Amino acid sequence: MTDTSNEAQQNANGETTDQLTFQNPVTRYPAIEPPEQHQSEPGLDVELEPKTDRGEESYRGTGRLEGRKALITGADSGIGAAVAIAFAKEGADVALNYLPDEEPDAQVVKAVIEKAGRKAVLIPGDLLEKAFCETVVENAVNELGGLDILVNNAGRQIVAESLEELSDEQLVDTFTLNIIGMFRVTKAALKHLPAGSSIINTTSVVAYEPPPILLDYASTKAAINNFTKGLAQQLAPKGIRVNAVAPGPIWTPLQVSDGQPTEALPEFGQSTPLGRAGQPTELAPAYVFLASPESSYVLGETLNVSGGMPTP
């Protein structure tokens, strides 16, 4: 099996790479063939096979977020962890929200952030709970001494083969976490965000091409696109920019905790034009760009990072 560990993330030529090195995107990372595996929701990076690259070694910062203060939901693993690590390496202090069961992953990310010389604040809790959507913001503001970046990344994705098999409990929980929770957290954050702040929402390419087995998840991702574009117009006069990132197939614990059919895992991501799944760290530069002043004229944009999957 190909070694894709964080300590030795190599391309097809055996070279360790970072996001600033000239390279072939087809071969920057090998096409993985994950073994069939299953984890109970929400899933852990520390138990995932093969391991992901979240940028611990491969992300190289350039100081683009120096002195910034960010809250990231779903920040313990996968995309959220990669964004947290990139933000820290770019100079930001970061508050990490995650479920209590994800503590092992959160501790790993915290250590990476602190190694980069930045502050990491851990705020475990469930965004399905309305009150916690306000608490997580207040705790982040108190611990960081302010807030000027909000990344709404937390989400759940559970396969249901048919609408008849989609339970009402799953339907309600998916919408509550993925989009209602986003409304609630953002609303709580607005009174703390000064002009120049950035809100970045995680949507998905499935917002445009919904898989039949992910009707509830894909519907929430389409709603996130709409929420992003509408809120961007509402907040533009206040100098607060709102944008979104739409990942394609990215290898994370979400996939093995009922996010994909187990039998489909060995071919995960291989149908993209690049012929491989993405690694979480490949998403991080998009979030850094949208958080930084470099994107000062970018509002209401959904930036697709999909390995070439066509989008509108």
Protein backbone atom coordinates (compact mmCIF):
# COMPACT_ATOMS: atom_id res chain seq x y z
CA MET A 1 0.00 0.00 0.00
CA THR A 2 1.27 3.49 -0.86
CA ASP A 3 2.57 5.47 2.12
CA THR A 4 0.56 8.68 2.34
CA SER A 5 1.47 9.51 5.93
CA ASN A 6 1.70 13.13 7.04
CA GLU A 7 5.39 12.79 7.75
CA ALA A 8 6.26 11.58 4.25
CA GLN A 9 3.71 12.88 1.79
CA GLN A 10 5.32 12.24 -1.60
CA ASN A 11 4.38 12.50 -5.23
CA ALA A 12 4.77 9.79 -7.84
CA ASN A 13 8.47 10.66 -8.21
CA GLY A 14 9.11 10.18 -4.50
CA GLU A 15 9.51 13.92 -3.84
CA THR A 16 8.02 15.65 -0.82
CA THR A 17 6.08 18.69 -2.04
CA ASP A 18 4.32 21.78 -0.74
CA GLN A 19 1.63 24.02 -2.20
CA LEU A 20 4.16 26.55 -3.53
CA THR A 21 6.38 24.10 -5.44
CA PHE A 22 5.97 23.80 -9.21
CA GLN A 23 4.53 20.35 -9.84
CA ASN A 24 2.17 18.21 -11.89
CA PRO A 25 -1.26 18.16 -10.13
CA VAL A 26 -1.89 14.64 -11.43
CA THR A 27 1.12 13.30 -9.57
CA ARG A 28 1.41 15.68 -6.62
CA TYR A 29 -0.35 12.97 -4.61
CA PRO A 30 -0.79 9.33 -5.56
CA ALA A 31 -4.22 8.00 -6.45
CA ILE A 32 -5.25 6.22 -3.27
CA GLU A 33 -7.09 2.91 -3.13
CA PRO A 34 -8.50 2.93 0.41
CA PRO A 35 -9.35 -0.48 1.84
CA GLU A 36 -12.95 -1.09 2.75
CA GLN A 37 -13.33 0.23 6.29
CA HIS A 38 -15.94 1.67 8.59
CA GLN A 39 -15.91 4.02 11.55
CA SER A 40 -18.79 5.09 13.72
CA GLU A 41 -19.88 8.67 13.12
CA PRO A 42 -18.18 11.15 13.31
CA GLY A 43 -14.95 9.29 12.46
CA LEU A 44 -11.32 10.02 13.35
CA ASP A 45 -8.28 10.92 11.28
CA VAL A 46 -6.07 8.95 13.66
CA GLU A 47 -7.89 5.74 12.65
CA LEU A 48 -8.14 6.46 8.91
CA GLU A 49 -6.31 4.28 6.37
CA PRO A 50 -4.46 5.65 4.46
CA LYS A 51 -3.64 8.76 6.46
CA THR A 52 -4.48 12.19 5.10
CA ASP A 53 -2.20 15.13 4.45
CA ARG A 54 -3.55 18.09 6.41
CA GLY A 55 -0.47 20.22 5.83
CA GLU A 56 1.44 19.42 8.99
CA GLU A 57 4.65 19.24 6.95
CA SER A 58 3.55 20.10 3.42
CA TYR A 59 1.87 23.50 3.91
CA ARG A 60 4.26 26.47 3.77
CA GLY A 61 2.97 29.77 5.15
CA THR A 62 3.89 33.25 3.94
CA GLY A 63 2.41 35.46 6.67
CA ARG A 64 -0.82 36.34 4.87
CA LEU A 65 -2.99 36.15 8.02
CA GLU A 66 -0.58 37.63 10.54
CA GLY A 67 -2.41 38.65 13.73
CA ARG A 68 -5.81 37.40 12.60
CA LYS A 69 -8.28 35.54 14.86
CA ALA A 70 -10.29 32.65 13.41
CA LEU A 71 -13.07 30.33 14.54
CA ILE A 72 -13.39 27.11 12.53
CA THR A 73 -16.21 24.63 13.08
CA GLY A 74 -15.52 20.97 12.34
CA ALA A 75 -11.82 21.74 12.80
CA ASP A 76 -10.48 18.52 14.28
CA SER A 77 -9.99 16.51 11.09
CA GLY A 78 -10.12 16.58 7.32
CA ILE A 79 -10.72 19.92 5.63
CA GLY A 80 -11.30 21.87 8.85
CA ALA A 81 -8.03 20.64 10.33
CA ALA A 82 -6.12 21.51 7.16
CA VAL A 83 -7.60 25.01 7.18
CA ALA A 84 -6.74 25.47 10.86
CA ILE A 85 -3.14 24.39 10.25
CA ALA A 86 -2.78 26.64 7.20
CA PHE A 87 -4.26 29.62 9.05
CA ALA A 88 -1.79 29.12 11.90
CA LYS A 89 1.15 28.82 9.52
CA GLU A 90 -0.05 32.06 7.90
CA GLY A 91 0.06 33.80 11.31
CA ALA A 92 -3.47 33.46 12.74
CA ASP A 93 -4.62 32.28 16.16
CA VAL A 94 -7.35 29.66 15.82
CA ALA A 95 -10.33 28.43 17.85
CA LEU A 96 -11.26 24.86 16.96
CA ASN A 97 -14.79 23.54 17.34
CA TYR A 98 -15.46 19.79 17.16
CA LEU A 99 -17.50 17.04 18.80
CA PRO A 100 -16.21 15.71 22.15
CA ASP A 101 -15.66 12.26 20.59
CA GLU A 102 -13.16 13.87 18.21
CA GLU A 103 -10.80 14.98 21.00
CA PRO A 104 -7.87 12.76 19.84
CA ASP A 105 -7.82 14.47 16.45
CA ALA A 106 -8.24 17.94 17.98
CA GLN A 107 -5.21 17.44 20.21
CA VAL A 108 -3.07 16.60 17.18
CA VAL A 109 -4.16 19.76 15.37
CA LYS A 110 -3.63 21.85 18.51
CA ALA A 111 -0.05 20.61 18.75
CA VAL A 112 0.65 21.53 15.12
CA ILE A 113 -0.76 25.04 15.61
CA GLU A 114 1.30 25.59 18.73
CA LYS A 115 4.42 24.30 16.98
CA ALA A 116 3.80 27.04 14.41
CA GLY A 117 3.91 29.56 17.25
CA ARG A 118 0.22 30.42 17.29
CA LYS A 119 -2.55 30.05 19.86
CA ALA A 120 -5.00 27.13 19.61
CA VAL A 121 -8.27 27.23 21.55
CA LEU A 122 -10.26 24.00 21.84
CA ILE A 123 -14.06 24.35 22.05
CA PRO A 124 -15.74 20.93 21.94
CA GLY A 125 -19.51 20.85 21.59
CA ASP A 126 -22.42 19.90 19.36
CA LEU A 127 -23.76 22.47 16.90
CA LEU A 128 -27.04 20.56 16.78
CA GLU A 129 -27.74 22.34 20.07
CA LYS A 130 -29.04 25.86 19.48
CA ALA A 131 -27.52 27.32 22.64
CA PHE A 132 -24.08 25.99 21.82
CA CYS A 133 -24.08 27.83 18.49
CA GLU A 134 -23.89 31.04 20.54
CA THR A 135 -21.57 29.62 23.21
CA VAL A 136 -18.92 28.54 20.70
CA VAL A 137 -18.68 32.08 19.34
CA GLU A 138 -18.54 33.73 22.76
CA ASN A 139 -15.83 31.32 23.94
CA ALA A 140 -13.77 31.94 20.81
CA VAL A 141 -14.02 35.70 21.19
CA ASN A 142 -13.09 35.58 24.87
CA GLU A 143 -10.12 33.25 24.37
CA LEU A 144 -8.76 34.87 21.21
CA GLY A 145 -9.45 38.46 22.25
CA GLY A 146 -11.67 39.06 19.24
CA LEU A 147 -12.75 37.47 15.98
CA ASP A 148 -12.27 38.42 12.31
CA ILE A 149 -12.49 35.10 10.44
CA LEU A 150 -15.35 32.61 10.67
CA VAL A 151 -15.14 29.31 8.80
CA ASN A 152 -18.42 27.38 8.84
CA ASN A 153 -17.14 23.90 8.02
CA ALA A 154 -18.95 21.44 10.31
CA GLY A 155 -21.23 19.03 8.48
CA ARG A 156 -22.62 15.52 8.37
CA GLN A 157 -22.97 13.22 5.36
CA ILE A 158 -24.75 9.88 5.67
CA VAL A 159 -25.63 7.65 2.73
CA ALA A 160 -29.28 6.65 2.21
CA GLU A 161 -29.93 4.40 -0.79
CA SER A 162 -33.47 5.72 -1.30
CA LEU A 163 -35.79 8.41 -0.02
CA GLU A 164 -37.80 5.70 1.73
CA GLU A 165 -34.68 4.71 3.69
CA LEU A 166 -33.89 8.30 4.71
CA SER A 167 -35.09 8.53 8.31
CA ASP A 168 -36.73 11.68 9.59
CA GLU A 169 -34.10 11.86 12.33
CA GLN A 170 -31.27 11.86 9.79
CA LEU A 171 -33.05 14.42 7.63
CA VAL A 172 -33.58 16.82 10.53
CA ASP A 173 -30.05 16.38 11.94
CA THR A 174 -28.40 16.91 8.56
CA PHE A 175 -30.31 20.13 7.90
CA THR A 176 -29.90 21.33 11.49
CA LEU A 177 -26.13 20.92 11.47
CA ASN A 178 -25.26 21.73 7.88
CA ILE A 179 -27.35 24.83 7.26
CA ILE A 180 -29.45 25.87 10.29
CA GLY A 181 -26.37 25.65 12.52
CA MET A 182 -24.51 27.79 9.99
CA PHE A 183 -27.21 30.46 10.22
CA ARG A 184 -27.04 30.35 14.03
CA VAL A 185 -23.25 30.49 14.38
CA THR A 186 -22.94 33.26 11.81
CA LYS A 187 -25.70 35.29 13.46
CA ALA A 188 -23.94 34.98 16.82
CA ALA A 189 -20.63 36.04 15.29
CA LEU A 190 -21.82 39.14 13.47
CA LYS A 191 -21.76 41.44 16.48
CA HIS A 192 -18.07 40.65 16.95
CA LEU A 193 -16.83 40.89 13.36
CA PRO A 194 -15.23 44.24 12.41
CA ALA A 195 -15.00 45.64 8.89
CA GLY A 196 -12.42 43.63 6.99
CA SER A 197 -13.60 40.33 8.43
CA SER A 198 -14.23 37.25 6.32
CA ILE A 199 -16.86 34.50 6.55
CA ILE A 200 -16.13 31.33 4.59
CA ASN A 201 -18.67 28.52 4.24
CA THR A 202 -17.92 24.96 3.14
CA THR A 203 -20.31 23.78 0.46
CA SER A 204 -19.65 20.97 -2.08
CA VAL A 205 -19.69 20.09 -5.76
CA VAL A 206 -22.70 17.91 -4.96
CA ALA A 207 -24.68 21.15 -4.72
CA TYR A 208 -24.58 21.12 -8.53
CA GLU A 209 -24.69 17.39 -9.25
CA PRO A 210 -26.47 15.66 -6.33
CA PRO A 211 -25.74 11.94 -5.95
CA PRO A 212 -28.97 9.96 -5.56
CA ILE A 213 -27.68 8.44 -2.31
CA LEU A 214 -26.99 11.86 -0.71
CA LEU A 215 -30.25 13.73 -1.23
CA ASP A 216 -30.35 15.40 2.18
CA TYR A 217 -26.64 16.29 2.24
CA ALA A 218 -26.62 17.65 -1.32
CA SER A 219 -29.73 19.74 -0.63
CA THR A 220 -28.03 21.42 2.33
CA LYS A 221 -24.97 22.18 0.24
CA ALA A 222 -27.11 23.90 -2.40
CA ALA A 223 -28.70 25.90 0.41
CA ILE A 224 -25.24 26.93 1.64
CA ASN A 225 -24.43 28.35 -1.80
CA ASN A 226 -27.63 30.40 -1.70
CA PHE A 227 -27.02 31.53 1.89
CA THR A 228 -23.50 32.62 0.94
CA LYS A 229 -24.56 34.73 -2.01
CA GLY A 230 -27.44 36.39 -0.19
CA LEU A 231 -25.49 37.14 2.99
CA ALA A 232 -22.57 38.49 0.96
CA GLN A 233 -24.87 41.17 -0.47
CA GLN A 234 -26.34 41.95 2.95
CA LEU A 235 -22.97 42.39 4.67
CA ALA A 236 -21.00 44.04 1.86
CA PRO A 237 -21.80 47.61 3.03
CA LYS A 238 -20.37 46.69 6.44
CA GLY A 239 -17.08 45.59 4.90
CA ILE A 240 -17.58 41.92 5.85
CA ARG A 241 -16.97 39.54 2.97
CA VAL A 242 -18.82 36.22 2.63
CA ASN A 243 -17.67 33.45 0.30
CA ALA A 244 -17.71 29.67 0.03
CA VAL A 245 -15.44 26.80 -0.99
CA ALA A 246 -16.89 23.78 -2.80
CA PRO A 247 -14.67 20.70 -2.37
CA GLY A 248 -14.80 17.73 -4.70
CA PRO A 249 -13.96 14.22 -3.44
CA ILE A 250 -11.53 14.81 -0.57
CA TRP A 251 -10.18 11.93 1.51
CA THR A 252 -11.36 12.50 5.10
CA PRO A 253 -12.97 10.52 7.96
CA LEU A 254 -16.35 11.73 6.65
CA GLN A 255 -16.10 9.16 3.87
CA VAL A 256 -15.63 6.11 6.10
CA SER A 257 -18.28 7.03 8.71
CA ASP A 258 -21.19 6.23 6.37
CA GLY A 259 -20.45 9.15 4.05
CA GLN A 260 -19.82 6.72 1.19
CA PRO A 261 -20.85 3.11 0.60
CA THR A 262 -18.08 0.95 2.07
CA GLU A 263 -17.69 -1.03 -1.16
CA ALA A 264 -17.06 2.20 -3.11
CA LEU A 265 -14.10 3.33 -1.01
CA PRO A 266 -11.31 1.60 -3.02
CA GLU A 267 -12.16 3.74 -6.06
CA PHE A 268 -12.87 6.96 -4.17
CA GLY A 269 -12.02 10.06 -6.21
CA GLN A 270 -10.63 8.19 -9.20
CA SER A 271 -13.42 9.40 -11.53
CA THR A 272 -12.21 13.02 -11.40
CA PRO A 273 -10.32 14.42 -14.40
CA LEU A 274 -7.13 14.35 -12.31
CA GLY A 275 -7.81 10.66 -11.62
CA ARG A 276 -7.40 10.87 -7.86
CA ALA A 277 -9.02 12.07 -4.65
CA GLY A 278 -7.86 15.33 -3.15
CA GLN A 279 -5.99 15.69 0.12
CA PRO A 280 -7.35 18.11 2.76
CA THR A 281 -4.31 20.38 2.50
CA GLU A 282 -5.14 21.01 -1.17
CA LEU A 283 -8.27 22.88 0.02
CA ALA A 284 -6.42 25.10 2.48
CA PRO A 285 -5.05 27.71 0.02
CA ALA A 286 -8.58 28.51 -1.16
CA TYR A 287 -9.65 29.35 2.40
CA VAL A 288 -6.46 31.34 3.00
CA PHE A 289 -7.10 33.39 -0.15
CA LEU A 290 -10.71 34.12 0.80
CA ALA A 291 -9.71 35.05 4.37
CA SER A 292 -6.88 37.37 3.35
CA PRO A 293 -7.03 40.96 2.07
CA GLU A 294 -5.85 39.66 -1.31
CA SER A 295 -9.47 38.78 -2.05
CA SER A 296 -10.88 42.16 -1.01
CA TYR A 297 -13.05 42.43 -4.15
CA VAL A 298 -14.34 38.85 -3.94
CA LEU A 299 -17.81 38.49 -2.39
CA GLY A 300 -20.52 35.89 -2.84
CA GLU A 301 -18.13 33.59 -4.69
CA THR A 302 -18.14 29.80 -4.54
CA LEU A 303 -14.59 28.68 -5.21
CA ASN A 304 -14.61 25.12 -6.54
CA VAL A 305 -11.69 22.87 -5.61
CA SER A 306 -12.83 19.71 -7.30
CA GLY A 307 -10.05 18.01 -9.23
CA GLY A 308 -11.63 19.22 -12.46
CA MET A 309 -15.23 18.13 -11.89
CA PRO A 310 -17.33 20.55 -14.01
CA THR A 311 -19.46 23.10 -12.16
CA PRO A 312 -21.71 25.95 -13.34
